Amino acid sequence: MWEEPYLETCCRSTLHRLLLCGDAGRPTGLRDQPCLERLERMGFVRLREDGRFVITDAGMTRHRLEIGPTG
C-alpha cells in the first residue's frame, strides 16, 4: 500500500460515494467531478458511454484498503 498513490480525503469520499451508487454510477457535472476524473486517471473508476462514472475492480480493492470492507 505504501507504493500506492496518495488519495486526498475528497477523493476517498468520492470513491466511497461511487461504491454506494452501485451500478447506477454518478453522472458528470457534479461538484466531485475533479475527483472522479482523478480517480479515472488512476484506474479506480471508469466513465461509461452513458456519461456516468462507475467503480472498477481496482477501485473496489482500493476502497477495501483505505476505507474498509462493505456490507
N, C-alpha and C. Protein backbone atom coordinates (compact mmCIF):
# COMPACT_ATOMS: atom_id res chain seq x y z
N MET A 1 0.81 -1.19 0.00
CA MET A 1 0.00 0.00 0.00
C MET A 1 0.86 1.26 0.00
N TRP A 2 2.04 1.22 0.56
CA TRP A 2 2.87 2.41 0.65
C TRP A 2 3.35 2.86 -0.72
N GLU A 3 3.35 1.97 -1.70
CA GLU A 3 3.75 2.37 -3.04
C GLU A 3 2.58 2.93 -3.85
N GLU A 4 1.39 2.83 -3.30
CA GLU A 4 0.19 3.31 -3.99
C GLU A 4 0.15 4.85 -3.97
N PRO A 5 -0.45 5.46 -5.01
CA PRO A 5 -0.59 6.91 -5.00
C PRO A 5 -1.52 7.35 -3.86
N TYR A 6 -1.20 8.47 -3.27
CA TYR A 6 -1.99 9.01 -2.16
C TYR A 6 -3.35 9.49 -2.66
N LEU A 7 -4.38 9.19 -1.91
CA LEU A 7 -5.71 9.70 -2.22
C LEU A 7 -6.07 10.78 -1.22
N GLU A 8 -6.37 11.96 -1.72
CA GLU A 8 -6.84 13.05 -0.86
C GLU A 8 -8.15 12.64 -0.20
N THR A 9 -8.48 13.29 0.89
CA THR A 9 -9.71 12.99 1.61
C THR A 9 -10.93 13.13 0.70
N CYS A 10 -10.93 14.15 -0.14
CA CYS A 10 -12.07 14.36 -1.04
C CYS A 10 -12.20 13.19 -2.02
N CYS A 11 -11.07 12.66 -2.49
CA CYS A 11 -11.12 11.54 -3.43
C CYS A 11 -11.56 10.25 -2.74
N ARG A 12 -11.14 10.05 -1.49
CA ARG A 12 -11.61 8.88 -0.75
C ARG A 12 -13.12 8.96 -0.54
N SER A 13 -13.62 10.14 -0.25
CA SER A 13 -15.07 10.33 -0.08
C SER A 13 -15.80 10.06 -1.40
N THR A 14 -15.25 10.54 -2.48
CA THR A 14 -15.85 10.31 -3.80
C THR A 14 -15.86 8.83 -4.14
N LEU A 15 -14.77 8.14 -3.85
CA LEU A 15 -14.70 6.70 -4.11
C LEU A 15 -15.77 5.97 -3.30
N HIS A 16 -15.97 6.38 -2.06
CA HIS A 16 -17.00 5.75 -1.23
C HIS A 16 -18.40 6.04 -1.77
N ARG A 17 -18.67 7.28 -2.15
CA ARG A 17 -19.98 7.61 -2.73
C ARG A 17 -20.23 6.79 -3.99
N LEU A 18 -19.20 6.62 -4.79
CA LEU A 18 -19.33 5.85 -6.02
C LEU A 18 -19.66 4.40 -5.72
N LEU A 19 -19.04 3.85 -4.71
CA LEU A 19 -19.34 2.47 -4.30
C LEU A 19 -20.81 2.37 -3.86
N LEU A 20 -21.28 3.35 -3.11
CA LEU A 20 -22.67 3.33 -2.63
C LEU A 20 -23.67 3.45 -3.77
N CYS A 21 -23.28 4.09 -4.86
CA CYS A 21 -24.18 4.26 -6.02
C CYS A 21 -24.37 2.96 -6.79
N GLY A 22 -23.42 2.05 -6.66
CA GLY A 22 -23.53 0.76 -7.36
C GLY A 22 -23.56 0.93 -8.87
N ASP A 23 -24.39 0.13 -9.52
CA ASP A 23 -24.47 0.13 -10.99
C ASP A 23 -25.04 1.42 -11.56
N ALA A 24 -25.77 2.18 -10.74
CA ALA A 24 -26.33 3.44 -11.23
C ALA A 24 -25.23 4.44 -11.57
N GLY A 25 -24.11 4.36 -10.85
CA GLY A 25 -22.99 5.26 -11.09
C GLY A 25 -23.31 6.69 -10.69
N ARG A 26 -22.39 7.58 -11.00
CA ARG A 26 -22.55 9.01 -10.72
C ARG A 26 -22.41 9.77 -12.02
N PRO A 27 -23.29 10.72 -12.26
CA PRO A 27 -23.24 11.47 -13.51
C PRO A 27 -22.11 12.49 -13.52
N THR A 28 -21.77 12.95 -14.69
CA THR A 28 -20.81 14.04 -14.81
C THR A 28 -21.49 15.34 -14.38
N GLY A 29 -20.67 16.34 -14.10
CA GLY A 29 -21.20 17.66 -13.77
C GLY A 29 -21.47 17.90 -12.30
N LEU A 30 -21.11 16.96 -11.44
CA LEU A 30 -21.30 17.15 -10.01
C LEU A 30 -20.09 17.85 -9.40
N ARG A 31 -20.22 18.29 -8.15
CA ARG A 31 -19.12 19.01 -7.50
C ARG A 31 -17.86 18.17 -7.36
N ASP A 32 -18.01 16.84 -7.33
CA ASP A 32 -16.83 15.99 -7.18
C ASP A 32 -16.25 15.54 -8.53
N GLN A 33 -16.62 16.23 -9.59
CA GLN A 33 -16.12 15.92 -10.93
C GLN A 33 -14.58 15.85 -10.98
N PRO A 34 -13.86 16.82 -10.38
CA PRO A 34 -12.39 16.72 -10.43
C PRO A 34 -11.87 15.44 -9.77
N CYS A 35 -12.48 15.01 -8.69
CA CYS A 35 -12.06 13.77 -8.03
C CYS A 35 -12.41 12.56 -8.89
N LEU A 36 -13.57 12.57 -9.51
CA LEU A 36 -13.95 11.47 -10.39
C LEU A 36 -12.96 11.34 -11.55
N GLU A 37 -12.57 12.47 -12.11
CA GLU A 37 -11.60 12.44 -13.21
C GLU A 37 -10.23 11.97 -12.73
N ARG A 38 -9.82 12.39 -11.53
CA ARG A 38 -8.54 11.96 -10.97
C ARG A 38 -8.57 10.46 -10.71
N LEU A 39 -9.66 9.97 -10.13
CA LEU A 39 -9.80 8.54 -9.87
C LEU A 39 -9.84 7.74 -11.17
N GLU A 40 -10.41 8.32 -12.21
CA GLU A 40 -10.42 7.65 -13.52
C GLU A 40 -8.99 7.51 -14.06
N ARG A 41 -8.20 8.57 -13.94
CA ARG A 41 -6.81 8.51 -14.40
C ARG A 41 -6.02 7.45 -13.63
N MET A 42 -6.37 7.23 -12.37
CA MET A 42 -5.69 6.23 -11.54
C MET A 42 -6.22 4.82 -11.80
N GLY A 43 -7.32 4.71 -12.56
CA GLY A 43 -7.88 3.40 -12.89
C GLY A 43 -8.87 2.87 -11.87
N PHE A 44 -9.28 3.71 -10.92
CA PHE A 44 -10.21 3.28 -9.88
C PHE A 44 -11.68 3.43 -10.28
N VAL A 45 -11.93 4.25 -11.27
CA VAL A 45 -13.28 4.41 -11.81
C VAL A 45 -13.17 4.47 -13.33
N ARG A 46 -14.31 4.28 -13.99
CA ARG A 46 -14.34 4.44 -15.44
C ARG A 46 -15.60 5.21 -15.80
N LEU A 47 -15.53 5.91 -16.91
CA LEU A 47 -16.67 6.66 -17.42
C LEU A 47 -17.36 5.81 -18.47
N ARG A 48 -18.61 5.47 -18.21
CA ARG A 48 -19.37 4.68 -19.18
C ARG A 48 -19.81 5.56 -20.34
N GLU A 49 -20.27 4.90 -21.39
CA GLU A 49 -20.74 5.62 -22.58
C GLU A 49 -21.95 6.50 -22.28
N ASP A 50 -22.72 6.16 -21.25
CA ASP A 50 -23.90 6.96 -20.90
C ASP A 50 -23.55 8.18 -20.06
N GLY A 51 -22.23 8.43 -19.85
CA GLY A 51 -21.81 9.62 -19.12
C GLY A 51 -21.83 9.48 -17.61
N ARG A 52 -21.83 8.26 -17.10
CA ARG A 52 -21.84 8.03 -15.66
C ARG A 52 -20.58 7.28 -15.26
N PHE A 53 -20.02 7.70 -14.13
CA PHE A 53 -18.83 7.05 -13.59
C PHE A 53 -19.23 5.85 -12.74
N VAL A 54 -18.49 4.76 -12.86
CA VAL A 54 -18.70 3.57 -12.03
C VAL A 54 -17.34 3.11 -11.50
N ILE A 55 -17.37 2.42 -10.39
CA ILE A 55 -16.15 1.94 -9.75
C ILE A 55 -15.63 0.70 -10.48
N THR A 56 -14.32 0.57 -10.57
CA THR A 56 -13.69 -0.60 -11.21
C THR A 56 -13.28 -1.60 -10.13
N ASP A 57 -12.80 -2.75 -10.57
CA ASP A 57 -12.28 -3.74 -9.61
C ASP A 57 -11.11 -3.17 -8.81
N ALA A 58 -10.26 -2.42 -9.50
CA ALA A 58 -9.13 -1.78 -8.80
C ALA A 58 -9.65 -0.77 -7.77
N GLY A 59 -10.72 -0.09 -8.10
CA GLY A 59 -11.33 0.86 -7.17
C GLY A 59 -11.93 0.15 -5.96
N MET A 60 -12.54 -1.00 -6.20
CA MET A 60 -13.10 -1.79 -5.08
C MET A 60 -11.97 -2.23 -4.14
N THR A 61 -10.85 -2.67 -4.71
CA THR A 61 -9.71 -3.09 -3.91
C THR A 61 -9.17 -1.92 -3.11
N ARG A 62 -9.02 -0.78 -3.75
CA ARG A 62 -8.50 0.40 -3.05
C ARG A 62 -9.46 0.84 -1.96
N HIS A 63 -10.76 0.75 -2.21
CA HIS A 63 -11.75 1.10 -1.20
C HIS A 63 -11.58 0.21 0.03
N ARG A 64 -11.42 -1.09 -0.18
CA ARG A 64 -11.23 -2.01 0.95
C ARG A 64 -9.98 -1.66 1.75
N LEU A 65 -8.90 -1.25 1.06
CA LEU A 65 -7.66 -0.92 1.74
C LEU A 65 -7.74 0.40 2.50
N GLU A 66 -8.36 1.40 1.92
CA GLU A 66 -8.36 2.75 2.50
C GLU A 66 -9.56 3.02 3.39
N ILE A 67 -10.71 2.48 3.04
CA ILE A 67 -11.93 2.84 3.74
C ILE A 67 -12.45 1.68 4.57
N GLY A 68 -12.32 0.48 4.07
CA GLY A 68 -12.74 -0.70 4.81
C GLY A 68 -13.74 -1.53 4.04
N PRO A 69 -13.99 -2.72 4.54
CA PRO A 69 -14.95 -3.60 3.85
C PRO A 69 -16.36 -3.03 3.92
N THR A 70 -17.17 -3.42 2.96
CA THR A 70 -18.57 -3.01 2.95
C THR A 70 -19.44 -4.21 3.23
N GLY A 71 -20.66 -3.90 3.64
CA GLY A 71 -21.63 -4.98 3.84
C GLY A 71 -21.51 -5.53 5.15
